[in-house]
């Protein structure tokens, strides 16, 4: 999913980047073993942690906690907007994050806990 979301940004970089940067967008460079290994290794621990938390608890509040606990870039983006140093794509990202936050809060507030056992509650 992340790779699909990156396509518009890659297309923008390919149009405006220097030749040295464009060289890094070639499929042979991306699929080189030493270049592709670092992102996968760095994302492995977070992916496993998220998977174990969700499969262990099977409760939506855990996922909300993980999402709400990872908003540091959102607040940095808001700070750049406050100082008028933001990028043209940041506003769209801020709108999507704010919508996601509102949906998480709405889900938290309107959850019906009547079917949850006392032990789970």
N, C-alpha and C. Protein backbone atom coordinates (compact mmCIF):
# COMPACT_ATOMS: atom_id res chain seq x y z
N UNK A 1 0.83 -1.18 0.00
CA UNK A 1 0.00 0.00 0.00
C UNK A 1 0.89 1.26 0.00
N UNK A 2 1.96 1.21 0.76
CA UNK A 2 2.84 2.37 0.82
C UNK A 2 3.49 2.63 -0.53
N UNK A 3 3.85 1.57 -1.24
CA UNK A 3 4.46 1.74 -2.56
C UNK A 3 3.49 2.42 -3.53
N UNK A 4 2.21 2.06 -3.46
CA UNK A 4 1.22 2.69 -4.34
C UNK A 4 1.03 4.17 -3.99
N UNK A 5 1.08 4.49 -2.72
CA UNK A 5 0.90 5.88 -2.30
C UNK A 5 2.10 6.74 -2.69
N UNK A 6 3.24 6.13 -2.92
CA UNK A 6 4.45 6.89 -3.26
C UNK A 6 4.54 7.23 -4.75
N UNK A 7 3.72 6.60 -5.58
CA UNK A 7 3.82 6.80 -7.03
C UNK A 7 3.71 8.27 -7.44
N UNK A 8 2.75 9.07 -6.95
CA UNK A 8 2.71 10.48 -7.38
C UNK A 8 3.96 11.26 -6.98
N UNK A 9 4.54 10.95 -5.84
CA UNK A 9 5.73 11.66 -5.41
C UNK A 9 6.94 11.28 -6.26
N UNK A 10 7.01 10.01 -6.64
CA UNK A 10 8.10 9.56 -7.51
C UNK A 10 7.97 10.20 -8.88
N UNK A 11 6.75 10.30 -9.39
CA UNK A 11 6.55 10.94 -10.69
C UNK A 11 6.97 12.41 -10.65
N UNK A 12 6.67 13.09 -9.55
CA UNK A 12 7.07 14.49 -9.40
C UNK A 12 8.60 14.60 -9.36
N UNK A 13 9.24 13.72 -8.61
CA UNK A 13 10.71 13.75 -8.52
C UNK A 13 11.34 13.48 -9.88
N UNK A 14 10.78 12.56 -10.64
CA UNK A 14 11.35 12.24 -11.95
C UNK A 14 11.27 13.42 -12.91
N UNK A 15 10.24 14.25 -12.75
CA UNK A 15 10.11 15.42 -13.62
C UNK A 15 11.04 16.55 -13.22
N UNK A 16 11.30 16.71 -11.93
CA UNK A 16 12.01 17.90 -11.47
C UNK A 16 13.40 17.64 -10.91
N UNK A 17 13.81 16.39 -10.77
CA UNK A 17 15.07 16.08 -10.09
C UNK A 17 16.27 16.22 -11.02
N UNK A 18 17.44 16.30 -10.40
CA UNK A 18 18.70 16.35 -11.15
C UNK A 18 19.01 14.97 -11.73
N UNK A 19 19.94 14.87 -12.68
CA UNK A 19 20.26 13.56 -13.27
C UNK A 19 20.79 12.55 -12.24
N UNK A 20 21.50 13.02 -11.22
CA UNK A 20 22.01 12.10 -10.19
C UNK A 20 20.86 11.48 -9.40
N UNK A 21 19.85 12.29 -9.11
CA UNK A 21 18.70 11.78 -8.37
C UNK A 21 17.86 10.86 -9.27
N UNK A 22 17.71 11.22 -10.54
CA UNK A 22 16.94 10.40 -11.46
C UNK A 22 17.55 9.01 -11.61
N UNK A 23 18.85 8.92 -11.49
CA UNK A 23 19.53 7.62 -11.58
C UNK A 23 19.06 6.67 -10.48
N UNK A 24 18.71 7.22 -9.34
CA UNK A 24 18.28 6.40 -8.20
C UNK A 24 16.85 5.89 -8.35
N UNK A 25 16.11 6.37 -9.33
CA UNK A 25 14.75 5.91 -9.55
C UNK A 25 14.68 4.81 -10.59
N UNK A 26 15.81 4.39 -11.12
CA UNK A 26 15.80 3.28 -12.07
C UNK A 26 15.51 1.98 -11.32
N UNK A 27 14.79 1.11 -11.97
CA UNK A 27 14.40 -0.15 -11.34
C UNK A 27 15.62 -0.99 -10.95
N UNK A 28 16.66 -0.93 -11.75
CA UNK A 28 17.87 -1.69 -11.43
C UNK A 28 18.52 -1.18 -10.14
N UNK A 29 18.44 0.12 -9.88
CA UNK A 29 19.00 0.67 -8.64
C UNK A 29 18.11 0.31 -7.44
N UNK A 30 16.81 0.42 -7.62
CA UNK A 30 15.88 0.15 -6.52
C UNK A 30 15.92 -1.32 -6.13
N UNK A 31 15.95 -2.22 -7.11
CA UNK A 31 15.91 -3.65 -6.83
C UNK A 31 17.29 -4.25 -6.55
N UNK A 32 18.31 -3.41 -6.52
CA UNK A 32 19.63 -3.90 -6.13
C UNK A 32 19.56 -4.40 -4.68
N UNK A 33 20.17 -5.54 -4.43
CA UNK A 33 20.04 -6.19 -3.13
C UNK A 33 20.45 -5.30 -1.97
N UNK A 34 21.55 -4.58 -2.10
CA UNK A 34 22.00 -3.75 -0.98
C UNK A 34 21.11 -2.52 -0.77
N UNK A 35 20.44 -2.05 -1.83
CA UNK A 35 19.56 -0.89 -1.69
C UNK A 35 18.18 -1.24 -1.17
N UNK A 36 17.67 -2.41 -1.52
CA UNK A 36 16.33 -2.78 -1.09
C UNK A 36 16.33 -3.42 0.29
N UNK A 37 17.47 -3.88 0.74
CA UNK A 37 17.55 -4.58 2.02
C UNK A 37 17.31 -3.64 3.21
N UNK A 38 17.89 -2.46 3.16
CA UNK A 38 17.78 -1.52 4.29
C UNK A 38 16.33 -1.13 4.61
N UNK A 39 15.52 -0.73 3.63
CA UNK A 39 14.13 -0.37 3.99
C UNK A 39 13.33 -1.53 4.55
N UNK A 40 13.55 -2.72 4.02
CA UNK A 40 12.79 -3.87 4.53
C UNK A 40 13.21 -4.25 5.94
N UNK A 41 14.50 -4.19 6.21
CA UNK A 41 14.96 -4.51 7.56
C UNK A 41 14.47 -3.45 8.55
N UNK A 42 14.52 -2.19 8.17
CA UNK A 42 14.09 -1.14 9.09
C UNK A 42 12.59 -1.17 9.35
N UNK A 43 11.81 -1.65 8.39
CA UNK A 43 10.36 -1.71 8.60
C UNK A 43 9.91 -3.01 9.25
N UNK A 44 10.78 -3.99 9.34
CA UNK A 44 10.40 -5.29 9.87
C UNK A 44 9.97 -5.23 11.33
N UNK A 45 10.72 -4.54 12.15
CA UNK A 45 10.38 -4.52 13.58
C UNK A 45 9.05 -3.83 13.83
N UNK A 46 8.79 -2.72 13.17
CA UNK A 46 7.52 -2.02 13.35
C UNK A 46 6.35 -2.87 12.84
N UNK A 47 6.54 -3.51 11.70
CA UNK A 47 5.47 -4.35 11.15
C UNK A 47 5.16 -5.53 12.06
N UNK A 48 6.20 -6.18 12.55
CA UNK A 48 5.97 -7.31 13.46
C UNK A 48 5.33 -6.86 14.77
N UNK A 49 5.78 -5.74 15.30
CA UNK A 49 5.21 -5.23 16.55
C UNK A 49 3.73 -4.93 16.37
N UNK A 50 3.38 -4.27 15.29
CA UNK A 50 1.98 -3.95 15.00
C UNK A 50 1.16 -5.22 14.82
N UNK A 51 1.69 -6.21 14.10
CA UNK A 51 0.98 -7.45 13.87
C UNK A 51 0.75 -8.21 15.18
N UNK A 52 1.76 -8.29 16.02
CA UNK A 52 1.62 -9.02 17.29
C UNK A 52 0.62 -8.32 18.21
N UNK A 53 0.66 -7.01 18.26
CA UNK A 53 -0.28 -6.28 19.11
C UNK A 53 -1.71 -6.53 18.66
N UNK A 54 -1.96 -6.39 17.36
CA UNK A 54 -3.33 -6.55 16.87
C UNK A 54 -3.84 -7.97 16.97
N UNK A 55 -2.98 -8.96 16.70
CA UNK A 55 -3.46 -10.34 16.79
C UNK A 55 -3.59 -10.79 18.24
N UNK A 56 -2.83 -10.19 19.13
CA UNK A 56 -2.93 -10.59 20.55
C UNK A 56 -4.18 -10.02 21.19
N UNK A 57 -4.48 -8.79 20.96
CA UNK A 57 -5.58 -8.15 21.65
C UNK A 57 -6.89 -8.16 20.86
N UNK A 58 -6.79 -8.10 19.52
CA UNK A 58 -7.96 -8.06 18.65
C UNK A 58 -8.99 -7.03 19.14
N UNK A 59 -8.51 -5.85 19.39
CA UNK A 59 -9.37 -4.79 19.91
C UNK A 59 -8.98 -3.50 19.22
N UNK A 60 -9.92 -2.74 18.72
CA UNK A 60 -9.60 -1.58 17.88
C UNK A 60 -8.86 -0.49 18.64
N UNK A 61 -9.02 -0.40 19.95
CA UNK A 61 -8.34 0.66 20.68
C UNK A 61 -6.82 0.53 20.60
N UNK A 62 -6.32 -0.68 20.44
CA UNK A 62 -4.88 -0.87 20.32
C UNK A 62 -4.38 -0.21 19.04
N UNK A 63 -5.10 -0.44 17.94
CA UNK A 63 -4.68 0.19 16.69
C UNK A 63 -4.80 1.70 16.76
N UNK A 64 -5.83 2.19 17.46
CA UNK A 64 -5.95 3.64 17.63
C UNK A 64 -4.76 4.18 18.41
N UNK A 65 -4.36 3.46 19.45
CA UNK A 65 -3.22 3.89 20.25
C UNK A 65 -1.93 3.94 19.44
N UNK A 66 -1.75 2.96 18.57
CA UNK A 66 -0.54 2.94 17.74
C UNK A 66 -0.56 4.10 16.76
N UNK A 67 -1.71 4.34 16.13
CA UNK A 67 -1.81 5.44 15.17
C UNK A 67 -1.62 6.79 15.87
N UNK A 68 -2.29 6.97 16.99
CA UNK A 68 -2.19 8.25 17.69
C UNK A 68 -0.81 8.44 18.32
N UNK A 69 -0.10 7.37 18.58
CA UNK A 69 1.23 7.48 19.15
C UNK A 69 2.30 7.78 18.12
N UNK A 70 1.96 7.77 16.86
CA UNK A 70 2.95 7.97 15.80
C UNK A 70 2.66 9.24 15.00
N UNK A 71 2.29 10.29 15.67
CA UNK A 71 1.92 11.53 14.98
C UNK A 71 3.01 12.60 15.01
N UNK A 72 4.23 12.23 15.32
CA UNK A 72 5.28 13.25 15.44
C UNK A 72 5.48 14.01 14.13
N UNK A 73 5.48 13.30 12.99
CA UNK A 73 5.65 13.99 11.71
C UNK A 73 4.49 14.93 11.41
N UNK A 74 3.29 14.57 11.84
CA UNK A 74 2.13 15.44 11.64
C UNK A 74 2.32 16.75 12.40
N UNK A 75 2.79 16.67 13.64
CA UNK A 75 2.99 17.89 14.41
C UNK A 75 4.17 18.71 13.88
N UNK A 76 5.20 18.04 13.36
CA UNK A 76 6.29 18.78 12.72
C UNK A 76 5.77 19.50 11.47
N UNK A 77 4.88 18.85 10.73
CA UNK A 77 4.28 19.47 9.55
C UNK A 77 3.43 20.68 9.94
N UNK A 78 2.66 20.55 11.04
CA UNK A 78 1.88 21.69 11.51
C UNK A 78 2.79 22.85 11.91
N UNK A 79 3.93 22.54 12.52
CA UNK A 79 4.89 23.59 12.88
C UNK A 79 5.45 24.30 11.66
N UNK A 80 5.74 23.54 10.60
CA UNK A 80 6.22 24.17 9.36
C UNK A 80 5.15 25.04 8.74
N UNK A 81 3.89 24.60 8.82
CA UNK A 81 2.79 25.41 8.29
C UNK A 81 2.65 26.69 9.10
N UNK A 82 2.78 26.59 10.40
CA UNK A 82 2.68 27.76 11.28
C UNK A 82 3.77 28.79 10.93
N UNK A 83 4.97 28.29 10.56
CA UNK A 83 6.08 29.18 10.20
C UNK A 83 6.10 29.52 8.71
N UNK A 84 5.09 29.10 7.96
CA UNK A 84 4.97 29.33 6.51
C UNK A 84 6.15 28.74 5.75
N UNK A 85 6.59 27.55 6.16
CA UNK A 85 7.70 26.87 5.48
C UNK A 85 7.27 25.51 4.95
N UNK A 86 5.96 25.32 4.74
CA UNK A 86 5.49 24.01 4.34
C UNK A 86 5.60 23.80 2.84
N UNK A 87 5.55 22.55 2.43
CA UNK A 87 5.60 22.15 1.03
C UNK A 87 4.17 22.12 0.50
N UNK A 88 4.02 22.19 -0.81
CA UNK A 88 2.68 22.24 -1.39
C UNK A 88 1.87 20.97 -1.14
N UNK A 89 2.52 19.82 -0.91
CA UNK A 89 1.80 18.58 -0.67
C UNK A 89 1.44 18.38 0.80
N UNK A 90 2.01 19.18 1.69
CA UNK A 90 1.78 18.96 3.12
C UNK A 90 0.33 19.23 3.54
N UNK A 91 -0.30 20.18 2.92
CA UNK A 91 -1.68 20.50 3.29
C UNK A 91 -2.59 19.29 3.04
N UNK A 92 -2.42 18.62 1.91
CA UNK A 92 -3.22 17.43 1.63
C UNK A 92 -2.98 16.33 2.65
N UNK A 93 -1.73 16.13 3.03
CA UNK A 93 -1.41 15.14 4.05
C UNK A 93 -2.00 15.50 5.40
N UNK A 94 -1.96 16.78 5.74
CA UNK A 94 -2.53 17.22 7.01
C UNK A 94 -4.04 17.00 7.04
N UNK A 95 -4.69 17.23 5.91
CA UNK A 95 -6.14 17.01 5.83
C UNK A 95 -6.45 15.53 6.01
N UNK A 96 -5.67 14.64 5.35
CA UNK A 96 -5.92 13.21 5.47
C UNK A 96 -5.67 12.71 6.89
N UNK A 97 -4.60 13.20 7.54
CA UNK A 97 -4.31 12.79 8.92
C UNK A 97 -5.41 13.28 9.85
N UNK A 98 -5.86 14.52 9.66
CA UNK A 98 -6.93 15.06 10.50
C UNK A 98 -8.22 14.25 10.32
N UNK A 99 -8.54 13.87 9.08
CA UNK A 99 -9.71 13.04 8.84
C UNK A 99 -9.55 11.69 9.55
N UNK A 100 -8.38 11.09 9.47
CA UNK A 100 -8.13 9.83 10.16
C UNK A 100 -8.26 9.95 11.66
N UNK A 101 -7.79 11.06 12.22
CA UNK A 101 -7.92 11.30 13.66
C UNK A 101 -9.39 11.43 14.05
N UNK A 102 -10.14 12.16 13.25
CA UNK A 102 -11.57 12.31 13.55
C UNK A 102 -12.30 10.97 13.49
N UNK A 103 -11.94 10.13 12.52
CA UNK A 103 -12.57 8.81 12.43
C UNK A 103 -12.18 7.93 13.60
N UNK A 104 -10.92 8.01 14.04
CA UNK A 104 -10.49 7.22 15.20
C UNK A 104 -11.20 7.68 16.46
N UNK A 105 -11.33 9.00 16.65
CA UNK A 105 -12.05 9.51 17.81
C UNK A 105 -13.53 9.14 17.75
N UNK A 106 -14.12 9.23 16.55
CA UNK A 106 -15.53 8.87 16.40
C UNK A 106 -15.75 7.39 16.72
N UNK A 107 -14.84 6.54 16.28
CA UNK A 107 -14.95 5.11 16.57
C UNK A 107 -14.79 4.85 18.06
N UNK A 108 -13.89 5.57 18.70
CA UNK A 108 -13.67 5.40 20.13
C UNK A 108 -14.89 5.85 20.94
N UNK A 109 -15.50 6.93 20.54
CA UNK A 109 -16.63 7.48 21.29
C UNK A 109 -17.89 6.66 21.08
N UNK A 110 -18.12 6.18 19.87
CA UNK A 110 -19.38 5.52 19.57
C UNK A 110 -19.33 4.00 19.67
N UNK A 111 -18.25 3.43 20.17
CA UNK A 111 -18.16 1.98 20.26
C UNK A 111 -19.20 1.45 21.25
N UNK A 112 -19.80 0.33 20.91
CA UNK A 112 -20.79 -0.31 21.78
C UNK A 112 -20.09 -1.44 22.54
N UNK A 113 -19.85 -1.23 23.81
CA UNK A 113 -19.11 -2.20 24.62
C UNK A 113 -20.03 -3.19 25.31
N UNK A 114 -21.32 -3.22 24.96
CA UNK A 114 -22.25 -4.11 25.65
C UNK A 114 -22.00 -5.58 25.34
N UNK A 115 -21.43 -5.88 24.17
CA UNK A 115 -21.18 -7.28 23.82
C UNK A 115 -19.80 -7.76 24.24
N UNK A 116 -19.04 -6.92 24.93
CA UNK A 116 -17.72 -7.32 25.41
C UNK A 116 -17.87 -7.96 26.79
N UNK A 117 -17.23 -9.10 26.98
CA UNK A 117 -17.33 -9.80 28.26
C UNK A 117 -16.63 -8.98 29.35
N UNK A 118 -17.00 -9.25 30.60
CA UNK A 118 -16.40 -8.53 31.72
C UNK A 118 -14.89 -8.76 31.78
N UNK A 119 -14.49 -9.97 31.46
CA UNK A 119 -13.05 -10.29 31.50
C UNK A 119 -12.29 -9.45 30.47
N UNK A 120 -12.82 -9.34 29.25
CA UNK A 120 -12.16 -8.56 28.20
C UNK A 120 -12.22 -7.08 28.48
N UNK A 121 -13.32 -6.63 29.09
CA UNK A 121 -13.47 -5.20 29.38
C UNK A 121 -12.48 -4.78 30.45
